[in-house]
Amino acid sequence: MSQPFTSAHRLVADPLYPSLKAYLIGATGLAYYTDKDSELATRVSQRLAELGLRDCGSYLALLKEGPRGETELDRLIE
């Protein structure tokens, strides 16, 4: 099994990062992150590490899981 992300730089290189970013901005309205990849990726990589997830695709899938995803979205932006 792959190791969880520990680096925001690696996260931005993930092919699904743009999709995750677009979803997060759309779901939260936090347009602040439109040009702040480093800050957003740092927050997301911390959540990935805490959850033991390894990539943007798995995190995006979690965020789309109804109530569980809504709870995680709240944790990300608090």
N, C-alpha and C. Protein backbone atom coordinates (compact mmCIF):
# COMPACT_ATOMS: atom_id res chain seq x y z
N MET A 1 0.84 -1.19 0.00
CA MET A 1 0.00 0.00 0.00
C MET A 1 0.88 1.24 0.00
N SER A 2 0.49 2.25 -0.75
CA SER A 2 1.26 3.49 -0.82
C SER A 2 1.19 4.26 0.48
N GLN A 3 2.24 5.04 0.73
CA GLN A 3 2.28 5.90 1.90
C GLN A 3 1.37 7.10 1.69
N PRO A 4 0.77 7.62 2.76
CA PRO A 4 -0.02 8.84 2.62
C PRO A 4 0.85 10.01 2.20
N PHE A 5 0.23 11.00 1.61
CA PHE A 5 0.95 12.21 1.23
C PHE A 5 1.48 12.90 2.47
N THR A 6 2.69 13.40 2.38
CA THR A 6 3.23 14.21 3.46
C THR A 6 3.68 15.57 2.92
N SER A 7 3.65 15.73 1.62
CA SER A 7 4.16 16.93 0.99
C SER A 7 3.10 17.62 0.14
N ALA A 8 2.91 18.91 0.38
CA ALA A 8 1.98 19.68 -0.43
C ALA A 8 2.45 19.72 -1.88
N HIS A 9 3.77 19.77 -2.08
CA HIS A 9 4.33 19.79 -3.44
C HIS A 9 3.92 18.53 -4.21
N ARG A 10 4.02 17.38 -3.57
CA ARG A 10 3.61 16.12 -4.21
C ARG A 10 2.12 16.12 -4.50
N LEU A 11 1.36 16.71 -3.61
CA LEU A 11 -0.09 16.74 -3.79
C LEU A 11 -0.47 17.54 -5.04
N VAL A 12 0.14 18.69 -5.24
CA VAL A 12 -0.16 19.52 -6.40
C VAL A 12 0.19 18.79 -7.70
N ALA A 13 1.14 17.89 -7.66
CA ALA A 13 1.54 17.12 -8.84
C ALA A 13 0.57 15.99 -9.16
N ASP A 14 -0.32 15.65 -8.24
CA ASP A 14 -1.30 14.59 -8.47
C ASP A 14 -2.20 14.99 -9.64
N PRO A 15 -2.42 14.10 -10.61
CA PRO A 15 -3.25 14.44 -11.77
C PRO A 15 -4.68 14.86 -11.42
N LEU A 16 -5.19 14.41 -10.28
CA LEU A 16 -6.55 14.77 -9.89
C LEU A 16 -6.62 16.00 -8.98
N TYR A 17 -5.47 16.62 -8.70
CA TYR A 17 -5.48 17.82 -7.86
C TYR A 17 -6.37 18.92 -8.44
N PRO A 18 -6.31 19.22 -9.75
CA PRO A 18 -7.19 20.28 -10.27
C PRO A 18 -8.68 19.97 -10.06
N SER A 19 -9.06 18.70 -10.20
CA SER A 19 -10.46 18.32 -9.97
C SER A 19 -10.84 18.48 -8.51
N LEU A 20 -9.95 18.07 -7.62
CA LEU A 20 -10.19 18.22 -6.19
C LEU A 20 -10.31 19.69 -5.82
N LYS A 21 -9.40 20.49 -6.33
CA LYS A 21 -9.41 21.93 -6.05
C LYS A 21 -10.71 22.56 -6.54
N ALA A 22 -11.12 22.24 -7.75
CA ALA A 22 -12.37 22.79 -8.30
C ALA A 22 -13.56 22.37 -7.46
N TYR A 23 -13.58 21.12 -7.03
CA TYR A 23 -14.67 20.64 -6.18
C TYR A 23 -14.70 21.40 -4.86
N LEU A 24 -13.55 21.54 -4.23
CA LEU A 24 -13.48 22.23 -2.94
C LEU A 24 -13.92 23.69 -3.05
N ILE A 25 -13.46 24.37 -4.07
CA ILE A 25 -13.85 25.78 -4.25
C ILE A 25 -15.35 25.88 -4.54
N GLY A 26 -15.86 24.99 -5.37
CA GLY A 26 -17.28 24.99 -5.68
C GLY A 26 -18.16 24.65 -4.49
N ALA A 27 -17.73 23.69 -3.68
CA ALA A 27 -18.53 23.25 -2.54
C ALA A 27 -18.49 24.22 -1.38
N THR A 28 -17.39 24.97 -1.26
CA THR A 28 -17.23 25.87 -0.11
C THR A 28 -17.40 27.33 -0.46
N GLY A 29 -17.23 27.67 -1.73
CA GLY A 29 -17.26 29.07 -2.12
C GLY A 29 -15.99 29.82 -1.76
N LEU A 30 -14.96 29.08 -1.34
CA LEU A 30 -13.70 29.71 -0.92
C LEU A 30 -12.82 30.02 -2.14
N ALA A 31 -13.22 31.01 -2.91
CA ALA A 31 -12.47 31.41 -4.10
C ALA A 31 -11.08 31.91 -3.74
N TYR A 32 -10.85 32.21 -2.48
CA TYR A 32 -9.53 32.63 -2.00
C TYR A 32 -8.45 31.66 -2.47
N TYR A 33 -8.78 30.37 -2.53
CA TYR A 33 -7.79 29.36 -2.89
C TYR A 33 -7.57 29.22 -4.39
N THR A 34 -8.25 29.99 -5.20
CA THR A 34 -8.10 29.89 -6.65
C THR A 34 -6.65 30.00 -7.08
N ASP A 35 -5.91 30.92 -6.49
CA ASP A 35 -4.50 31.10 -6.85
C ASP A 35 -3.57 30.85 -5.66
N LYS A 36 -4.01 30.00 -4.75
CA LYS A 36 -3.21 29.70 -3.54
C LYS A 36 -3.00 28.20 -3.41
N ASP A 37 -2.42 27.59 -4.45
CA ASP A 37 -2.22 26.14 -4.43
C ASP A 37 -1.40 25.67 -3.24
N SER A 38 -0.38 26.39 -2.89
CA SER A 38 0.48 25.96 -1.79
C SER A 38 -0.31 25.88 -0.48
N GLU A 39 -1.10 26.90 -0.20
CA GLU A 39 -1.89 26.91 1.04
C GLU A 39 -2.96 25.83 1.04
N LEU A 40 -3.67 25.69 -0.07
CA LEU A 40 -4.71 24.67 -0.16
C LEU A 40 -4.10 23.27 -0.07
N ALA A 41 -3.02 23.04 -0.80
CA ALA A 41 -2.39 21.73 -0.79
C ALA A 41 -1.86 21.37 0.59
N THR A 42 -1.38 22.35 1.33
CA THR A 42 -0.91 22.09 2.69
C THR A 42 -2.07 21.62 3.56
N ARG A 43 -3.20 22.29 3.49
CA ARG A 43 -4.37 21.89 4.28
C ARG A 43 -4.84 20.50 3.89
N VAL A 44 -4.93 20.25 2.58
CA VAL A 44 -5.40 18.95 2.10
C VAL A 44 -4.41 17.85 2.48
N SER A 45 -3.13 18.10 2.33
CA SER A 45 -2.14 17.05 2.65
C SER A 45 -2.19 16.70 4.13
N GLN A 46 -2.47 17.67 4.99
CA GLN A 46 -2.62 17.38 6.42
C GLN A 46 -3.82 16.47 6.66
N ARG A 47 -4.91 16.73 5.97
CA ARG A 47 -6.10 15.88 6.12
C ARG A 47 -5.83 14.48 5.57
N LEU A 48 -5.14 14.39 4.43
CA LEU A 48 -4.81 13.08 3.87
C LEU A 48 -3.98 12.27 4.86
N ALA A 49 -3.00 12.91 5.46
CA ALA A 49 -2.15 12.22 6.43
C ALA A 49 -2.96 11.75 7.63
N GLU A 50 -3.83 12.60 8.14
CA GLU A 50 -4.65 12.23 9.30
C GLU A 50 -5.59 11.08 8.98
N LEU A 51 -6.09 11.04 7.76
CA LEU A 51 -7.04 10.01 7.36
C LEU A 51 -6.37 8.76 6.81
N GLY A 52 -5.08 8.82 6.55
CA GLY A 52 -4.36 7.68 5.98
C GLY A 52 -4.66 7.48 4.50
N LEU A 53 -5.06 8.54 3.83
CA LEU A 53 -5.33 8.45 2.39
C LEU A 53 -4.07 8.79 1.61
N ARG A 54 -4.01 8.32 0.36
CA ARG A 54 -2.76 8.46 -0.38
C ARG A 54 -2.80 9.38 -1.58
N ASP A 55 -4.02 9.80 -2.01
CA ASP A 55 -4.06 10.62 -3.22
C ASP A 55 -5.32 11.47 -3.29
N CYS A 56 -5.33 12.36 -4.25
CA CYS A 56 -6.46 13.27 -4.42
C CYS A 56 -7.75 12.53 -4.78
N GLY A 57 -7.62 11.48 -5.57
CA GLY A 57 -8.81 10.72 -5.97
C GLY A 57 -9.53 10.10 -4.79
N SER A 58 -8.78 9.53 -3.86
CA SER A 58 -9.42 8.91 -2.70
C SER A 58 -10.04 9.96 -1.79
N TYR A 59 -9.41 11.13 -1.69
CA TYR A 59 -9.97 12.20 -0.86
C TYR A 59 -11.22 12.78 -1.52
N LEU A 60 -11.18 12.95 -2.82
CA LEU A 60 -12.34 13.47 -3.55
C LEU A 60 -13.52 12.50 -3.40
N ALA A 61 -13.26 11.21 -3.49
CA ALA A 61 -14.32 10.21 -3.30
C ALA A 61 -14.92 10.33 -1.90
N LEU A 62 -14.09 10.50 -0.90
CA LEU A 62 -14.57 10.67 0.47
C LEU A 62 -15.46 11.91 0.58
N LEU A 63 -15.03 13.01 -0.01
CA LEU A 63 -15.80 14.25 0.08
C LEU A 63 -17.17 14.14 -0.57
N LYS A 64 -17.32 13.22 -1.49
CA LYS A 64 -18.60 13.05 -2.19
C LYS A 64 -19.49 12.00 -1.53
N GLU A 65 -19.13 11.52 -0.35
CA GLU A 65 -19.87 10.46 0.34
C GLU A 65 -20.99 10.98 1.24
N GLY A 66 -21.75 11.93 0.80
CA GLY A 66 -22.89 12.41 1.57
C GLY A 66 -22.51 13.00 2.91
N PRO A 67 -23.17 12.58 3.99
CA PRO A 67 -22.90 13.16 5.31
C PRO A 67 -21.45 13.03 5.76
N ARG A 68 -20.83 11.90 5.47
CA ARG A 68 -19.42 11.72 5.83
C ARG A 68 -18.55 12.75 5.10
N GLY A 69 -18.84 12.97 3.84
CA GLY A 69 -18.09 13.96 3.06
C GLY A 69 -18.32 15.37 3.56
N GLU A 70 -19.55 15.67 3.94
CA GLU A 70 -19.85 17.01 4.47
C GLU A 70 -19.09 17.26 5.77
N THR A 71 -19.03 16.24 6.62
CA THR A 71 -18.28 16.36 7.87
C THR A 71 -16.81 16.61 7.59
N GLU A 72 -16.26 15.87 6.64
CA GLU A 72 -14.84 16.05 6.30
C GLU A 72 -14.60 17.42 5.70
N LEU A 73 -15.49 17.89 4.87
CA LEU A 73 -15.35 19.22 4.29
C LEU A 73 -15.32 20.29 5.39
N ASP A 74 -16.17 20.12 6.38
CA ASP A 74 -16.15 21.04 7.53
C ASP A 74 -14.81 21.01 8.24
N ARG A 75 -14.26 19.82 8.41
CA ARG A 75 -12.96 19.69 9.09
C ARG A 75 -11.85 20.36 8.29
N LEU A 76 -11.91 20.22 6.99
CA LEU A 76 -10.89 20.82 6.14
C LEU A 76 -10.89 22.34 6.24
N ILE A 77 -12.06 22.93 6.27
CA ILE A 77 -12.10 24.40 6.22
C ILE A 77 -12.16 25.08 7.58
N GLU A 78 -12.24 24.32 8.65
CA GLU A 78 -12.29 24.98 9.98
C GLU A 78 -10.95 25.49 10.42
